C-alpha atoms as a PDB file:
ATOM      1  CA  UNK A   1      -2.076 -11.390  -3.420  1.00  0.00           C
ATOM      2  CA  UNK A   2       1.110  -9.404  -2.904  1.00  0.00           C
ATOM      3  CA  UNK A   3      -0.022  -6.840  -5.490  1.00  0.00           C
ATOM      4  CA  UNK A   4      -3.307  -6.293  -3.610  1.00  0.00           C
ATOM      5  CA  UNK A   5      -1.517  -5.952  -0.277  1.00  0.00           C
ATOM      6  CA  UNK A   6       1.030  -3.523  -1.672  1.00  0.00           C
ATOM      7  CA  UNK A   7      -1.667  -1.385  -3.340  1.00  0.00           C
ATOM      8  CA  UNK A   8      -3.876  -1.320  -0.231  1.00  0.00           C
ATOM      9  CA  UNK A   9      -0.885  -0.357   1.920  1.00  0.00           C
ATOM     10  CA  UNK A  10       0.140   2.340  -0.521  1.00  0.00           C
ATOM     11  CA  UNK A  11      -3.306   3.899  -0.739  1.00  0.00           C
ATOM     12  CA  UNK A  12      -3.778   3.786   3.045  1.00  0.00           C
ATOM     13  CA  UNK A  13      -0.387   5.303   3.766  1.00  0.00           C
ATOM     14  CA  UNK A  14      -0.839   8.069   1.170  1.00  0.00           C
ATOM     15  CA  UNK A  15      -4.173   8.991   2.782  1.00  0.00           C
ATOM     16  CA  UNK A  16      -2.614   9.059   6.268  1.00  0.00           C
ATOM     17  CA  UNK A  17       0.704  10.695   5.337  1.00  0.00           C
ATOM     18  CA  UNK A  18       0.204  12.688   2.122  1.00  0.00           C
ATOM     19  CA  UNK A  19       3.498  14.560   2.456  1.00  0.00           C
ATOM     20  CA  UNK A  20       5.324  11.252   2.011  1.00  0.00           C
ATOM     21  CA  UNK A  21       3.512  10.275  -1.178  1.00  0.00           C
ATOM     22  CA  UNK A  22       6.635  10.487  -3.385  1.00  0.00           C
ATOM     23  CA  UNK A  23       8.383   7.944  -1.212  1.00  0.00           C
ATOM     24  CA  UNK A  24       5.354   5.623  -1.142  1.00  0.00           C
ATOM     25  CA  UNK A  25       4.941   5.970  -4.916  1.00  0.00           C
ATOM     26  CA  UNK A  26       8.572   5.025  -5.450  1.00  0.00           C
ATOM     27  CA  UNK A  27       8.263   1.954  -3.231  1.00  0.00           C
ATOM     28  CA  UNK A  28       5.117   0.639  -4.891  1.00  0.00           C
ATOM     29  CA  UNK A  29       6.510   1.274  -8.363  1.00  0.00           C
ATOM     30  CA  UNK A  30       9.507  -0.907  -7.549  1.00  0.00           C
ATOM     31  CA  UNK A  31       7.318  -3.599  -6.005  1.00  0.00           C
ATOM     32  CA  UNK A  32       4.870  -3.697  -8.924  1.00  0.00           C
ATOM     33  CA  UNK A  33       7.681  -3.734 -11.487  1.00  0.00           C
ATOM     34  CA  UNK A  34       8.899  -6.990  -9.940  1.00  0.00           C
ATOM     35  CA  UNK A  35       5.493  -8.644 -10.398  1.00  0.00           C
ATOM     36  CA  UNK A  36       4.306 -10.235 -13.658  1.00  0.00           C
ATOM     37  CA  UNK A  37       1.683  -8.173 -15.468  1.00  0.00           C
ATOM     38  CA  UNK A  38      -1.296 -10.410 -16.046  1.00  0.00           C
ATOM     39  CA  UNK A  39      -4.941 -10.819 -15.016  1.00  0.00           C
ATOM     40  CA  UNK A  40      -3.932 -11.518 -11.413  1.00  0.00           C
ATOM     41  CA  UNK A  41      -1.883  -8.298 -11.359  1.00  0.00           C
ATOM     42  CA  UNK A  42      -4.852  -6.249 -12.607  1.00  0.00           C
ATOM     43  CA  UNK A  43      -7.211  -7.951 -10.145  1.00  0.00           C
ATOM     44  CA  UNK A  44      -4.732  -7.321  -7.306  1.00  0.00           C
ATOM     45  CA  UNK A  45      -4.533  -3.598  -8.112  1.00  0.00           C
ATOM     46  CA  UNK A  46      -8.312  -3.338  -8.114  1.00  0.00           C
ATOM     47  CA  UNK A  47      -8.660  -5.320  -4.891  1.00  0.00           C
ATOM     48  CA  UNK A  48      -6.008  -3.175  -3.205  1.00  0.00           C
ATOM     49  CA  UNK A  49      -7.746   0.038  -4.224  1.00  0.00           C
ATOM     50  CA  UNK A  50     -11.050  -1.277  -2.833  1.00  0.00           C
ATOM     51  CA  UNK A  51      -9.508  -2.587   0.393  1.00  0.00           C
ATOM     52  CA  UNK A  52      -7.785   0.698   1.361  1.00  0.00           C
ATOM     53  CA  UNK A  53     -10.883   2.746   2.374  1.00  0.00           C
ATOM     54  CA  UNK A  54     -12.156   0.203   4.938  1.00  0.00           C
ATOM     55  CA  UNK A  55      -8.625  -0.207   6.325  1.00  0.00           C
ATOM     56  CA  UNK A  56      -8.315   3.557   6.591  1.00  0.00           C
ATOM     57  CA  UNK A  57     -11.729   3.835   8.287  1.00  0.00           C
ATOM     58  CA  UNK A  58     -10.831   1.261  10.923  1.00  0.00           C
ATOM     59  CA  UNK A  59      -7.454   2.900  11.497  1.00  0.00           C
ATOM     60  CA  UNK A  60      -8.828   6.409  11.829  1.00  0.00           C
ATOM     61  CA  UNK A  61     -11.703   5.315  14.082  1.00  0.00           C
ATOM     62  CA  UNK A  62      -9.568   3.180  16.393  1.00  0.00           C
ATOM     63  CA  UNK A  63      -9.060   5.975  18.934  1.00  0.00           C
ATOM     64  CA  UNK A  64      -5.298   5.836  18.659  1.00  0.00           C
ATOM     65  CA  UNK A  65      -2.895   8.285  17.121  1.00  0.00           C
ATOM     66  CA  UNK A  66      -1.597   7.245  13.725  1.00  0.00           C
ATOM     67  CA  UNK A  67       1.934   5.913  13.868  1.00  0.00           C
ATOM     68  CA  UNK A  68       4.812   7.891  12.428  1.00  0.00           C
ATOM     69  CA  UNK A  69       6.060   6.094   9.350  1.00  0.00           C
ATOM     70  CA  UNK A  70       9.752   5.328   8.972  1.00  0.00           C
ATOM     71  CA  UNK A  71      11.844   7.717   6.906  1.00  0.00           C
ATOM     72  CA  UNK A  72      12.216   5.071   4.214  1.00  0.00           C
ATOM     73  CA  UNK A  73       9.241   2.733   4.287  1.00  0.00           C
ATOM     74  CA  UNK A  74       9.864  -0.883   3.437  1.00  0.00           C
ATOM     75  CA  UNK A  75       6.275  -2.010   3.777  1.00  0.00           C
ATOM     76  CA  UNK A  76       6.088  -3.053   0.151  1.00  0.00           C
ATOM     77  CA  UNK A  77       8.970  -5.493   0.256  1.00  0.00           C
ATOM     78  CA  UNK A  78       7.766  -8.965  -0.614  1.00  0.00           C
ATOM     79  CA  UNK A  79       9.873 -12.078  -0.210  1.00  0.00           C
ATOM     80  CA  UNK A  80       7.400 -14.465  -1.809  1.00  0.00           C
ATOM     81  CA  UNK A  81       8.687 -16.609  -4.647  1.00  0.00           C
END
């Protein structure tokens, strides 16, 4: 599940803040490297890619201004065992 969440967050943030893509790419690379590569990993990547567009649509149609991301995002940090 953490792979799907990380991928969805990455894709959503890149769409909202494209100038910060290198930072987001670095964060997700580190997060994914810490996860075992197996069927669940592959499924999580796919699920995350598919979840991002609806998340983005809801965010962009909410009537609020998008938040300013932190200089060094830590949204991909996972403390699950």
